[in-house]
Amino acid sequence: MTLQDKELSASERVRETQETRVSRHPRIVSRLREMTSRLPDNTVGALWILQAAFLFTVMAALIKLAGSGMSVFQILAVRQAIMVLIVAPRILAGLPGSLATKRPDLQAARVVLATTTMLSGFTAIIELPLADATTLSFSKTFFVTLFAIFLLGEQVGRHRWGATIAGFFGILIMLKPNAAGFVNPYALLALGSAITGSLVLITVKVLTRTDPPITILTYQAIFVGLIMAVPAYLTWTPPTLEQWGLLALIGAVSWAAQMSNIRAFRSGEASAIASLDYTRLLYATIFGIGLFGHWPSGVTLLGAGIIILAALYTVRREAIRGRELARNAEDNNQGV
């Protein structure tokens, strides 16, 4: 066999190997889809939300790493740009119709609130132990309850009021005022992020009554990035190759985490899977110890326990209330 024949034979083997890998890939995907199709919807939703919780914690750890050498404005601007590039085909396909909104005031409010939530939340992640920042973010559940009462006129019974009050007690423990009564300003930022984040959820809930999801997505994707462009430019420091890698990972992981979260709630019932989001605290503790040497204090664990138990009880009461409303509606329909 000549040298040329040997080279051709080797290239053919490489091509065959590549073709085999390509042909295997669809089979693997189809087999995974077949396996998941046999699972109950709530089980599929639970798997998605566990993945989302892990990815959100990875995102937070990457932000904390990147924050040691870059401004939060720069991190958020690049993250937003990467996420826009990922969803660009969907956004471009919807333009210009996806910019048509019946509530421009609420769209503008949501963009401002989302920007504020991310800026304060990312800063808290960079400056606080990861477990502390994660736990304080869970207080969003209680603020959603409060704003739903005062802004949407929802009725809340004594059980949810009790859980909400207990949750705020856990927040006070987490804030850990010192002997002079001063509170860590970054803990207050984390709490502020939870407050504005809950307002984002309330705003989206109202917007879904008038605007399609693609419109809400388009406004968030485009205008948050535009708001961040100026402060990012003013605080810009040329990233190293390693930092560019971190920024790219932050954008990609953020998108994957959000998609996993969406798929979770599409697949399963919120009341059945929402509690699994609290596994983020476990991941945050592990990453905090392994990457940053932050061991959670007894005060952190106590406050976290109260917040999570109160939030779980709130989710449970919401599920019971939802079933009661559905049962009452069914009884009314049968009576008509």
C-alpha atoms as a PDB file:
ATOM      1  CA  MET A   1       0.000   0.000   0.000  1.00  0.00           C
ATOM      2  CA  THR A   2       1.400   3.403  -1.014  1.00  0.00           C
ATOM      3  CA  LEU A   3       1.706   6.370   1.326  1.00  0.00           C
ATOM      4  CA  GLN A   4      -1.135   8.090  -0.563  1.00  0.00           C
ATOM      5  CA  ASP A   5      -3.367   5.027  -0.120  1.00  0.00           C
ATOM      6  CA  LYS A   6      -2.595   5.003   3.605  1.00  0.00           C
ATOM      7  CA  GLU A   7      -3.503   8.697   3.897  1.00  0.00           C
ATOM      8  CA  LEU A   8      -6.770   8.118   2.035  1.00  0.00           C
ATOM      9  CA  SER A   9      -7.555   5.119   4.235  1.00  0.00           C
ATOM     10  CA  ALA A  10      -6.879   7.168   7.387  1.00  0.00           C
ATOM     11  CA  SER A  11      -9.045  10.069   6.179  1.00  0.00           C
ATOM     12  CA  GLU A  12     -11.851   7.644   5.340  1.00  0.00           C
ATOM     13  CA  ARG A  13     -11.687   6.195   8.861  1.00  0.00           C
ATOM     14  CA  VAL A  14     -11.851   9.680  10.359  1.00  0.00           C
ATOM     15  CA  ARG A  15     -14.825  10.542   8.135  1.00  0.00           C
ATOM     16  CA  GLU A  16     -16.587   7.306   9.079  1.00  0.00           C
ATOM     17  CA  THR A  17     -15.992   8.012  12.775  1.00  0.00           C
ATOM     18  CA  GLN A  18     -17.426  11.518  12.396  1.00  0.00           C
ATOM     19  CA  GLU A  19     -20.447  10.226  10.496  1.00  0.00           C
ATOM     20  CA  THR A  20     -21.022   7.589  13.177  1.00  0.00           C
ATOM     21  CA  ARG A  21     -20.953  10.255  15.897  1.00  0.00           C
ATOM     22  CA  VAL A  22     -23.375  12.473  13.966  1.00  0.00           C
ATOM     23  CA  SER A  23     -25.736   9.547  13.378  1.00  0.00           C
ATOM     24  CA  ARG A  24     -25.585   8.589  17.052  1.00  0.00           C
ATOM     25  CA  HIS A  25     -26.471  12.093  18.250  1.00  0.00           C
ATOM     26  CA  PRO A  26     -30.072  12.118  16.964  1.00  0.00           C
ATOM     27  CA  ARG A  27     -30.582   8.626  18.381  1.00  0.00           C
ATOM     28  CA  ILE A  28     -29.380   9.739  21.817  1.00  0.00           C
ATOM     29  CA  VAL A  29     -31.649  12.808  21.738  1.00  0.00           C
ATOM     30  CA  SER A  30     -34.654  10.795  20.575  1.00  0.00           C
ATOM     31  CA  ARG A  31     -34.022   8.169  23.259  1.00  0.00           C
ATOM     32  CA  LEU A  32     -33.837  10.854  25.961  1.00  0.00           C
ATOM     33  CA  ARG A  33     -37.086  12.367  24.686  1.00  0.00           C
ATOM     34  CA  GLU A  34     -38.703   8.948  24.707  1.00  0.00           C
ATOM     35  CA  MET A  35     -37.572   8.341  28.299  1.00  0.00           C
ATOM     36  CA  THR A  36     -38.820  11.715  29.554  1.00  0.00           C
ATOM     37  CA  SER A  37     -42.130  11.315  27.723  1.00  0.00           C
ATOM     38  CA  ARG A  38     -42.892   8.339  29.971  1.00  0.00           C
ATOM     39  CA  LEU A  39     -42.327  10.346  33.154  1.00  0.00           C
ATOM     40  CA  PRO A  40     -45.141  12.201  34.955  1.00  0.00           C
ATOM     41  CA  ASP A  41     -45.307  15.923  34.123  1.00  0.00           C
ATOM     42  CA  ASN A  42     -44.398  16.954  37.669  1.00  0.00           C
ATOM     43  CA  THR A  43     -41.315  14.716  37.595  1.00  0.00           C
ATOM     44  CA  VAL A  44     -40.156  16.311  34.346  1.00  0.00           C
ATOM     45  CA  GLY A  45     -40.818  19.746  35.832  1.00  0.00           C
ATOM     46  CA  ALA A  46     -38.855  18.808  38.952  1.00  0.00           C
ATOM     47  CA  LEU A  47     -35.843  17.733  36.862  1.00  0.00           C
ATOM     48  CA  TRP A  48     -35.935  21.008  34.929  1.00  0.00           C
ATOM     49  CA  ILE A  49     -36.162  23.158  38.046  1.00  0.00           C
ATOM     50  CA  LEU A  50     -33.310  21.274  39.722  1.00  0.00           C
ATOM     51  CA  GLN A  51     -31.236  22.008  36.645  1.00  0.00           C
ATOM     52  CA  ALA A  52     -32.340  25.666  36.695  1.00  0.00           C
ATOM     53  CA  ALA A  53     -31.411  26.005  40.389  1.00  0.00           C
ATOM     54  CA  PHE A  54     -27.954  24.582  39.714  1.00  0.00           C
ATOM     55  CA  LEU A  55     -27.385  26.813  36.677  1.00  0.00           C
ATOM     56  CA  PHE A  56     -28.554  29.956  38.499  1.00  0.00           C
ATOM     57  CA  THR A  57     -26.035  29.174  41.250  1.00  0.00           C
ATOM     58  CA  VAL A  58     -23.272  28.590  38.689  1.00  0.00           C
ATOM     59  CA  MET A  59     -24.187  31.972  37.156  1.00  0.00           C
ATOM     60  CA  ALA A  60     -23.929  33.643  40.578  1.00  0.00           C
ATOM     61  CA  ALA A  61     -20.533  32.040  41.248  1.00  0.00           C
ATOM     62  CA  LEU A  62     -19.240  33.183  37.848  1.00  0.00           C
ATOM     63  CA  ILE A  63     -20.488  36.738  38.503  1.00  0.00           C
ATOM     64  CA  LYS A  64     -18.707  36.741  41.862  1.00  0.00           C
ATOM     65  CA  LEU A  65     -15.485  35.611  40.185  1.00  0.00           C
ATOM     66  CA  ALA A  66     -15.803  38.196  37.402  1.00  0.00           C
ATOM     67  CA  GLY A  67     -16.644  40.952  39.879  1.00  0.00           C
ATOM     68  CA  SER A  68     -13.145  40.902  41.337  1.00  0.00           C
ATOM     69  CA  GLY A  69     -11.771  42.574  38.205  1.00  0.00           C
ATOM     70  CA  MET A  70     -14.689  44.286  36.438  1.00  0.00           C
ATOM     71  CA  SER A  71     -17.524  46.634  37.284  1.00  0.00           C
ATOM     72  CA  VAL A  72     -21.023  45.242  37.705  1.00  0.00           C
ATOM     73  CA  PHE A  73     -22.128  47.515  34.831  1.00  0.00           C
ATOM     74  CA  GLN A  74     -19.655  45.872  32.487  1.00  0.00           C
ATOM     75  CA  ILE A  75     -20.666  42.364  33.581  1.00  0.00           C
ATOM     76  CA  LEU A  76     -24.369  43.073  33.150  1.00  0.00           C
ATOM     77  CA  ALA A  77     -23.925  44.814  29.769  1.00  0.00           C
ATOM     78  CA  VAL A  78     -21.911  41.948  28.267  1.00  0.00           C
ATOM     79  CA  ARG A  79     -24.244  39.358  29.797  1.00  0.00           C
ATOM     80  CA  GLN A  80     -27.227  41.105  28.267  1.00  0.00           C
ATOM     81  CA  ALA A  81     -25.519  41.389  24.865  1.00  0.00           C
ATOM     82  CA  ILE A  82     -24.746  37.672  24.809  1.00  0.00           C
ATOM     83  CA  MET A  83     -28.302  36.749  25.788  1.00  0.00           C
ATOM     84  CA  VAL A  84     -29.664  39.078  23.079  1.00  0.00           C
ATOM     85  CA  LEU A  85     -27.463  37.346  20.501  1.00  0.00           C
ATOM     86  CA  ILE A  86     -28.785  33.952  21.606  1.00  0.00           C
ATOM     87  CA  VAL A  87     -32.450  34.972  21.308  1.00  0.00           C
ATOM     88  CA  ALA A  88     -31.888  37.337  18.333  1.00  0.00           C
ATOM     89  CA  PRO A  89     -33.523  35.055  15.724  1.00  0.00           C
ATOM     90  CA  ARG A  90     -36.751  34.972  17.717  1.00  0.00           C
ATOM     91  CA  ILE A  91     -36.680  38.716  18.383  1.00  0.00           C
ATOM     92  CA  LEU A  92     -35.914  39.615  14.750  1.00  0.00           C
ATOM     93  CA  ALA A  93     -38.652  37.311  13.507  1.00  0.00           C
ATOM     94  CA  GLY A  94     -41.176  39.210  15.612  1.00  0.00           C
ATOM     95  CA  LEU A  95     -40.065  42.741  14.685  1.00  0.00           C
ATOM     96  CA  PRO A  96     -41.554  45.280  14.299  1.00  0.00           C
ATOM     97  CA  GLY A  97     -44.824  43.773  15.568  1.00  0.00           C
ATOM     98  CA  SER A  98     -43.246  42.564  18.816  1.00  0.00           C
ATOM     99  CA  LEU A  99     -42.643  46.195  19.822  1.00  0.00           C
ATOM    100  CA  ALA A 100     -46.366  46.969  19.654  1.00  0.00           C
ATOM    101  CA  THR A 101     -47.617  47.150  23.240  1.00  0.00           C
ATOM    102  CA  LYS A 102     -50.869  48.269  24.775  1.00  0.00           C
ATOM    103  CA  ARG A 103     -49.089  49.237  28.011  1.00  0.00           C
ATOM    104  CA  PRO A 104     -45.898  51.169  27.194  1.00  0.00           C
ATOM    105  CA  ASP A 105     -45.923  52.566  30.731  1.00  0.00           C
ATOM    106  CA  LEU A 106     -45.755  49.094  32.261  1.00  0.00           C
ATOM    107  CA  GLN A 107     -43.147  47.943  29.733  1.00  0.00           C
ATOM    108  CA  ALA A 108     -40.955  50.909  30.687  1.00  0.00           C
ATOM    109  CA  ALA A 109     -41.519  50.266  34.399  1.00  0.00           C
ATOM    110  CA  ARG A 110     -40.601  46.613  33.987  1.00  0.00           C
ATOM    111  CA  VAL A 111     -37.371  47.438  32.145  1.00  0.00           C
ATOM    112  CA  VAL A 112     -36.324  49.901  34.873  1.00  0.00           C
ATOM    113  CA  LEU A 113     -37.272  47.472  37.649  1.00  0.00           C
ATOM    114  CA  ALA A 114     -35.491  44.549  35.964  1.00  0.00           C
ATOM    115  CA  THR A 115     -32.346  46.645  35.501  1.00  0.00           C
ATOM    116  CA  THR A 116     -32.432  47.745  39.147  1.00  0.00           C
ATOM    117  CA  THR A 117     -33.007  44.157  40.294  1.00  0.00           C
ATOM    118  CA  MET A 118     -30.016  42.837  38.374  1.00  0.00           C
ATOM    119  CA  LEU A 119     -27.665  45.668  39.327  1.00  0.00           C
ATOM    120  CA  SER A 120     -28.416  45.428  43.052  1.00  0.00           C
ATOM    121  CA  GLY A 121     -28.584  41.630  43.006  1.00  0.00           C
ATOM    122  CA  PHE A 122     -25.286  41.217  41.120  1.00  0.00           C
ATOM    123  CA  THR A 123     -23.547  43.699  43.428  1.00  0.00           C
ATOM    124  CA  ALA A 124     -24.804  41.767  46.471  1.00  0.00           C
ATOM    125  CA  ILE A 125     -23.556  38.505  44.951  1.00  0.00           C
ATOM    126  CA  ILE A 126     -20.094  40.010  44.406  1.00  0.00           C
ATOM    127  CA  GLU A 127     -19.794  41.526  47.892  1.00  0.00           C
ATOM    128  CA  LEU A 128     -21.632  39.042  50.154  1.00  0.00           C
ATOM    129  CA  PRO A 129     -21.019  35.362  50.870  1.00  0.00           C
ATOM    130  CA  LEU A 130     -22.863  33.414  48.173  1.00  0.00           C
ATOM    131  CA  ALA A 131     -25.161  31.640  50.661  1.00  0.00           C
ATOM    132  CA  ASP A 132     -26.222  34.957  52.239  1.00  0.00           C
ATOM    133  CA  ALA A 133     -27.023  36.620  48.907  1.00  0.00           C
ATOM    134  CA  THR A 134     -28.943  33.537  47.750  1.00  0.00           C
ATOM    135  CA  THR A 135     -30.991  33.280  50.932  1.00  0.00           C
ATOM    136  CA  LEU A 136     -31.957  36.963  50.919  1.00  0.00           C
ATOM    137  CA  SER A 137     -33.107  36.588  47.302  1.00  0.00           C
ATOM    138  CA  PHE A 138     -35.703  34.059  48.518  1.00  0.00           C
ATOM    139  CA  SER A 139     -37.496  36.859  50.387  1.00  0.00           C
ATOM    140  CA  LYS A 140     -39.030  37.782  47.033  1.00  0.00           C
ATOM    141  CA  THR A 141     -41.823  35.324  47.867  1.00  0.00           C
ATOM    142  CA  PHE A 142     -43.040  37.484  50.758  1.00  0.00           C
ATOM    143  CA  PHE A 143     -42.845  40.753  48.842  1.00  0.00           C
ATOM    144  CA  VAL A 144     -44.870  39.219  46.007  1.00  0.00           C
ATOM    145  CA  THR A 145     -47.555  38.390  48.581  1.00  0.00           C
ATOM    146  CA  LEU A 146     -47.568  41.963  49.921  1.00  0.00           C
ATOM    147  CA  PHE A 147     -47.655  43.617  46.506  1.00  0.00           C
ATOM    148  CA  ALA A 148     -50.341  41.220  45.272  1.00  0.00           C
ATOM    149  CA  ILE A 149     -52.531  42.418  48.157  1.00  0.00           C
ATOM    150  CA  PHE A 150     -51.981  46.146  47.693  1.00  0.00           C
ATOM    151  CA  LEU A 151     -51.533  46.364  43.912  1.00  0.00           C
ATOM    152  CA  LEU A 152     -53.681  43.525  42.570  1.00  0.00           C
ATOM    153  CA  GLY A 153     -56.295  43.392  45.313  1.00  0.00           C
ATOM    154  CA  GLU A 154     -55.721  39.697  46.069  1.00  0.00           C
ATOM    155  CA  GLN A 155     -57.177  38.232  49.238  1.00  0.00           C
ATOM    156  CA  VAL A 156     -54.759  36.637  51.714  1.00  0.00           C
ATOM    157  CA  GLY A 157     -55.839  34.565  54.705  1.00  0.00           C
ATOM    158  CA  ARG A 158     -54.304  34.357  58.150  1.00  0.00           C
ATOM    159  CA  HIS A 159     -52.119  31.377  57.209  1.00  0.00           C
ATOM    160  CA  ARG A 160     -50.266  33.274  54.490  1.00  0.00           C
ATOM    161  CA  TRP A 161     -50.085  36.371  56.662  1.00  0.00           C
ATOM    162  CA  GLY A 162     -48.476  34.261  59.390  1.00  0.00           C
ATOM    163  CA  ALA A 163     -45.969  32.762  56.935  1.00  0.00           C
ATOM    164  CA  THR A 164     -45.147  36.212  55.556  1.00  0.00           C
ATOM    165  CA  ILE A 165     -44.523  37.663  59.033  1.00  0.00           C
ATOM    166  CA  ALA A 166     -42.339  34.685  59.938  1.00  0.00           C
ATOM    167  CA  GLY A 167     -40.420  35.150  56.697  1.00  0.00           C
ATOM    168  CA  PHE A 168     -39.714  38.779  57.501  1.00  0.00           C
ATOM    169  CA  PHE A 169     -38.479  37.710  60.933  1.00  0.00           C
ATOM    170  CA  GLY A 170     -36.002  35.428  59.147  1.00  0.00           C
ATOM    171  CA  ILE A 171     -34.948  38.376  56.960  1.00  0.00           C
ATOM    172  CA  LEU A 172     -34.237  40.490  60.042  1.00  0.00           C
ATOM    173  CA  ILE A 173     -31.998  37.718  61.371  1.00  0.00           C
ATOM    174  CA  MET A 174     -30.182  37.540  58.022  1.00  0.00           C
ATOM    175  CA  LEU A 175     -29.581  41.299  57.957  1.00  0.00           C
ATOM    176  CA  LYS A 176     -27.540  40.912  61.177  1.00  0.00           C
ATOM    177  CA  PRO A 177     -27.377  44.479  62.528  1.00  0.00           C
ATOM    178  CA  ASN A 178     -24.257  45.111  64.593  1.00  0.00           C
ATOM    179  CA  ALA A 179     -24.073  46.513  68.129  1.00  0.00           C
ATOM    180  CA  ALA A 180     -24.490  50.061  66.819  1.00  0.00           C
ATOM    181  CA  GLY A 181     -27.578  49.065  64.848  1.00  0.00           C
ATOM    182  CA  PHE A 182     -25.904  49.308  61.442  1.00  0.00           C
ATOM    183  CA  VAL A 183     -26.748  46.783  58.721  1.00  0.00           C
ATOM    184  CA  ASN A 184     -24.394  45.591  55.997  1.00  0.00           C
ATOM    185  CA  PRO A 185     -25.274  47.826  53.010  1.00  0.00           C
ATOM    186  CA  TYR A 186     -24.800  44.929  50.593  1.00  0.00           C
ATOM    187  CA  ALA A 187     -27.357  42.883  52.542  1.00  0.00           C
ATOM    188  CA  LEU A 188     -29.746  45.811  52.085  1.00  0.00           C
ATOM    189  CA  LEU A 189     -28.940  45.748  48.354  1.00  0.00           C
ATOM    190  CA  ALA A 190     -29.830  42.054  48.228  1.00  0.00           C
ATOM    191  CA  LEU A 191     -33.104  42.834  49.992  1.00  0.00           C
ATOM    192  CA  GLY A 192     -33.747  45.716  47.588  1.00  0.00           C
ATOM    193  CA  SER A 193     -33.163  43.351  44.681  1.00  0.00           C
ATOM    194  CA  ALA A 194     -35.800  41.000  46.113  1.00  0.00           C
ATOM    195  CA  ILE A 195     -38.266  43.901  46.434  1.00  0.00           C
ATOM    196  CA  THR A 196     -37.802  45.154  42.870  1.00  0.00           C
ATOM    197  CA  GLY A 197     -37.730  41.555  41.615  1.00  0.00           C
ATOM    198  CA  SER A 198     -41.147  40.930  43.164  1.00  0.00           C
ATOM    199  CA  LEU A 199     -42.431  44.093  41.463  1.00  0.00           C
ATOM    200  CA  VAL A 200     -41.119  42.720  38.155  1.00  0.00           C
ATOM    201  CA  LEU A 201     -43.205  39.566  38.676  1.00  0.00           C
ATOM    202  CA  ILE A 202     -46.306  41.616  39.509  1.00  0.00           C
ATOM    203  CA  THR A 203     -45.747  43.814  36.437  1.00  0.00           C
ATOM    204  CA  VAL A 204     -45.313  40.805  34.156  1.00  0.00           C
ATOM    205  CA  LYS A 205     -48.488  39.280  35.560  1.00  0.00           C
ATOM    206  CA  VAL A 206     -50.411  42.433  34.573  1.00  0.00           C
ATOM    207  CA  LEU A 207     -48.649  42.708  31.188  1.00  0.00           C
ATOM    208  CA  THR A 208     -49.594  39.167  30.171  1.00  0.00           C
ATOM    209  CA  ARG A 209     -53.224  40.308  30.114  1.00  0.00           C
ATOM    210  CA  THR A 210     -52.547  42.684  27.220  1.00  0.00           C
ATOM    211  CA  ASP A 211     -49.195  41.829  25.579  1.00  0.00           C
ATOM    212  CA  PRO A 212     -47.859  38.533  24.142  1.00  0.00           C
ATOM    213  CA  PRO A 213     -44.728  36.918  25.660  1.00  0.00           C
ATOM    214  CA  ILE A 214     -42.568  37.843  22.645  1.00  0.00           C
ATOM    215  CA  THR A 215     -43.279  41.550  23.278  1.00  0.00           C
ATOM    216  CA  ILE A 216     -42.300  41.259  26.942  1.00  0.00           C
ATOM    217  CA  LEU A 217     -39.119  39.370  25.946  1.00  0.00           C
ATOM    218  CA  THR A 218     -38.200  41.926  23.262  1.00  0.00           C
ATOM    219  CA  TYR A 219     -38.500  44.948  25.548  1.00  0.00           C
ATOM    220  CA  GLN A 220     -36.426  43.244  28.257  1.00  0.00           C
ATOM    221  CA  ALA A 221     -33.725  42.073  25.848  1.00  0.00           C
ATOM    222  CA  ILE A 222     -33.264  45.344  23.973  1.00  0.00           C
ATOM    223  CA  PHE A 223     -33.802  48.093  26.508  1.00  0.00           C
ATOM    224  CA  VAL A 224     -31.972  46.664  29.537  1.00  0.00           C
ATOM    225  CA  GLY A 225     -28.882  46.423  27.341  1.00  0.00           C
ATOM    226  CA  LEU A 226     -29.317  50.005  26.111  1.00  0.00           C
ATOM    227  CA  ILE A 227     -29.637  51.317  29.678  1.00  0.00           C
ATOM    228  CA  MET A 228     -26.429  49.514  30.633  1.00  0.00           C
ATOM    229  CA  ALA A 229     -24.439  50.692  27.613  1.00  0.00           C
ATOM    230  CA  VAL A 230     -23.459  54.131  28.997  1.00  0.00           C
ATOM    231  CA  PRO A 231     -22.330  53.124  32.544  1.00  0.00           C
ATOM    232  CA  ALA A 232     -20.575  50.084  31.086  1.00  0.00           C
ATOM    233  CA  TYR A 233     -18.664  52.336  28.660  1.00  0.00           C
ATOM    234  CA  LEU A 234     -17.701  54.761  31.430  1.00  0.00           C
ATOM    235  CA  THR A 235     -16.409  51.977  33.711  1.00  0.00           C
ATOM    236  CA  TRP A 236     -14.994  49.732  30.990  1.00  0.00           C
ATOM    237  CA  THR A 237     -11.700  47.943  31.579  1.00  0.00           C
ATOM    238  CA  PRO A 238     -10.349  45.763  28.759  1.00  0.00           C
ATOM    239  CA  PRO A 239     -11.016  42.151  29.829  1.00  0.00           C
ATOM    240  CA  THR A 240      -8.288  39.546  29.720  1.00  0.00           C
ATOM    241  CA  LEU A 241      -8.851  36.365  27.743  1.00  0.00           C
ATOM    242  CA  GLU A 242      -9.859  34.595  30.973  1.00  0.00           C
ATOM    243  CA  GLN A 243     -12.322  37.370  31.816  1.00  0.00           C
ATOM    244  CA  TRP A 244     -13.874  37.198  28.336  1.00  0.00           C
ATOM    245  CA  GLY A 245     -14.353  33.496  28.948  1.00  0.00           C
ATOM    246  CA  LEU A 246     -16.087  34.247  32.260  1.00  0.00           C
ATOM    247  CA  LEU A 247     -18.359  36.843  30.611  1.00  0.00           C
ATOM    248  CA  ALA A 248     -19.276  34.444  27.797  1.00  0.00           C
ATOM    249  CA  LEU A 249     -20.085  31.721  30.331  1.00  0.00           C
ATOM    250  CA  ILE A 250     -22.209  34.133  32.392  1.00  0.00           C
ATOM    251  CA  GLY A 251     -24.325  34.998  29.344  1.00  0.00           C
ATOM    252  CA  ALA A 252     -24.714  31.417  28.147  1.00  0.00           C
ATOM    253  CA  VAL A 253     -25.430  29.973  31.604  1.00  0.00           C
ATOM    254  CA  SER A 254     -27.923  32.774  32.360  1.00  0.00           C
ATOM    255  CA  TRP A 255     -29.872  31.964  29.200  1.00  0.00           C
ATOM    256  CA  ALA A 256     -29.781  28.214  29.907  1.00  0.00           C
ATOM    257  CA  ALA A 257     -30.950  28.769  33.502  1.00  0.00           C
ATOM    258  CA  GLN A 258     -33.885  30.928  32.423  1.00  0.00           C
ATOM    259  CA  MET A 259     -34.913  28.444  29.726  1.00  0.00           C
ATOM    260  CA  SER A 260     -34.725  25.574  32.227  1.00  0.00           C
ATOM    261  CA  ASN A 261     -36.910  27.556  34.627  1.00  0.00           C
ATOM    262  CA  ILE A 262     -39.478  28.259  31.903  1.00  0.00           C
ATOM    263  CA  ARG A 263     -39.541  24.602  30.854  1.00  0.00           C
ATOM    264  CA  ALA A 264     -39.953  23.544  34.489  1.00  0.00           C
ATOM    265  CA  PHE A 265     -43.128  25.551  34.990  1.00  0.00           C
ATOM    266  CA  ARG A 266     -44.442  24.557  31.563  1.00  0.00           C
ATOM    267  CA  SER A 267     -44.028  20.890  32.419  1.00  0.00           C
ATOM    268  CA  GLY A 268     -45.121  20.697  36.055  1.00  0.00           C
ATOM    269  CA  GLU A 269     -47.463  22.343  38.510  1.00  0.00           C
ATOM    270  CA  ALA A 270     -45.942  25.308  40.321  1.00  0.00           C
ATOM    271  CA  SER A 271     -47.200  24.035  43.680  1.00  0.00           C
ATOM    272  CA  ALA A 272     -45.470  20.703  43.127  1.00  0.00           C
ATOM    273  CA  ILE A 273     -42.052  21.885  41.938  1.00  0.00           C
ATOM    274  CA  ALA A 274     -41.495  25.428  43.277  1.00  0.00           C
ATOM    275  CA  SER A 275     -40.006  24.222  46.569  1.00  0.00           C
ATOM    276  CA  LEU A 276     -37.130  22.531  44.708  1.00  0.00           C
ATOM    277  CA  ASP A 277     -35.774  25.954  43.762  1.00  0.00           C
ATOM    278  CA  TYR A 278     -34.496  26.198  47.342  1.00  0.00           C
ATOM    279  CA  THR A 279     -31.797  23.660  46.486  1.00  0.00           C
ATOM    280  CA  ARG A 280     -29.966  26.778  45.290  1.00  0.00           C
ATOM    281  CA  LEU A 281     -28.988  27.382  48.906  1.00  0.00           C
ATOM    282  CA  LEU A 282     -27.280  23.979  49.055  1.00  0.00           C
ATOM    283  CA  TYR A 283     -25.401  24.664  45.817  1.00  0.00           C
ATOM    284  CA  ALA A 284     -24.528  28.201  46.955  1.00  0.00           C
ATOM    285  CA  THR A 285     -23.111  26.870  50.228  1.00  0.00           C
ATOM    286  CA  ILE A 286     -20.998  24.286  48.390  1.00  0.00           C
ATOM    287  CA  PHE A 287     -19.688  26.823  45.857  1.00  0.00           C
ATOM    288  CA  GLY A 288     -19.155  29.391  48.593  1.00  0.00           C
ATOM    289  CA  ILE A 289     -16.985  27.009  50.599  1.00  0.00           C
ATOM    290  CA  GLY A 290     -15.167  25.465  47.634  1.00  0.00           C
ATOM    291  CA  LEU A 291     -14.442  28.599  45.589  1.00  0.00           C
ATOM    292  CA  PHE A 292     -14.391  31.443  48.114  1.00  0.00           C
ATOM    293  CA  GLY A 293     -13.825  29.818  51.528  1.00  0.00           C
ATOM    294  CA  HIS A 294     -17.082  31.229  52.934  1.00  0.00           C
ATOM    295  CA  TRP A 295     -18.520  28.946  55.614  1.00  0.00           C
ATOM    296  CA  PRO A 296     -22.129  29.905  56.512  1.00  0.00           C
ATOM    297  CA  SER A 297     -22.504  31.212  60.061  1.00  0.00           C
ATOM    298  CA  GLY A 298     -25.070  29.944  62.562  1.00  0.00           C
ATOM    299  CA  VAL A 299     -27.047  33.183  62.111  1.00  0.00           C
ATOM    300  CA  THR A 300     -27.145  32.651  58.342  1.00  0.00           C
ATOM    301  CA  LEU A 301     -28.383  29.082  58.735  1.00  0.00           C
ATOM    302  CA  LEU A 302     -31.044  30.104  61.261  1.00  0.00           C
ATOM    303  CA  GLY A 303     -32.344  32.949  59.082  1.00  0.00           C
ATOM    304  CA  ALA A 304     -32.214  30.757  55.987  1.00  0.00           C
ATOM    305  CA  GLY A 305     -34.185  28.014  57.721  1.00  0.00           C
ATOM    306  CA  ILE A 306     -36.958  30.412  58.780  1.00  0.00           C
ATOM    307  CA  ILE A 307     -37.160  32.057  55.344  1.00  0.00           C
ATOM    308  CA  ILE A 308     -37.287  28.763  53.465  1.00  0.00           C
ATOM    309  CA  LEU A 309     -39.844  27.134  55.791  1.00  0.00           C
ATOM    310  CA  ALA A 310     -42.075  30.224  55.614  1.00  0.00           C
ATOM    311  CA  ALA A 311     -41.746  30.365  51.830  1.00  0.00           C
ATOM    312  CA  LEU A 312     -42.569  26.651  51.506  1.00  0.00           C
ATOM    313  CA  TYR A 313     -45.665  27.144  53.654  1.00  0.00           C
ATOM    314  CA  THR A 314     -46.683  30.096  51.457  1.00  0.00           C
ATOM    315  CA  VAL A 315     -46.344  27.924  48.339  1.00  0.00           C
ATOM    316  CA  ARG A 316     -48.397  25.170  50.002  1.00  0.00           C
ATOM    317  CA  ARG A 317     -51.184  27.581  50.997  1.00  0.00           C
ATOM    318  CA  GLU A 318     -51.198  28.987  47.462  1.00  0.00           C
ATOM    319  CA  ALA A 319     -51.658  25.465  46.093  1.00  0.00           C
ATOM    320  CA  ILE A 320     -54.552  24.797  48.495  1.00  0.00           C
ATOM    321  CA  ARG A 321     -56.149  28.127  47.556  1.00  0.00           C
ATOM    322  CA  GLY A 322     -55.774  27.337  43.847  1.00  0.00           C
ATOM    323  CA  ARG A 323     -57.516  23.981  44.273  1.00  0.00           C
ATOM    324  CA  GLU A 324     -60.337  25.601  46.251  1.00  0.00           C
ATOM    325  CA  LEU A 325     -60.868  28.241  43.568  1.00  0.00           C
ATOM    326  CA  ALA A 326     -60.883  25.580  40.846  1.00  0.00           C
ATOM    327  CA  ARG A 327     -63.367  23.465  42.824  1.00  0.00           C
ATOM    328  CA  ASN A 328     -65.654  26.462  43.403  1.00  0.00           C
ATOM    329  CA  ALA A 329     -65.541  27.355  39.723  1.00  0.00           C
ATOM    330  CA  GLU A 330     -66.426  23.771  38.791  1.00  0.00           C
ATOM    331  CA  ASP A 331     -69.350  23.766  41.247  1.00  0.00           C
ATOM    332  CA  ASN A 332     -70.609  27.060  39.834  1.00  0.00           C
ATOM    333  CA  ASN A 333     -70.418  25.741  36.286  1.00  0.00           C
ATOM    334  CA  GLN A 334     -72.360  22.639  37.244  1.00  0.00           C
ATOM    335  CA  GLY A 335     -74.982  24.789  38.908  1.00  0.00           C
ATOM    336  CA  VAL A 336     -75.566  26.911  35.810  1.00  0.00           C
END
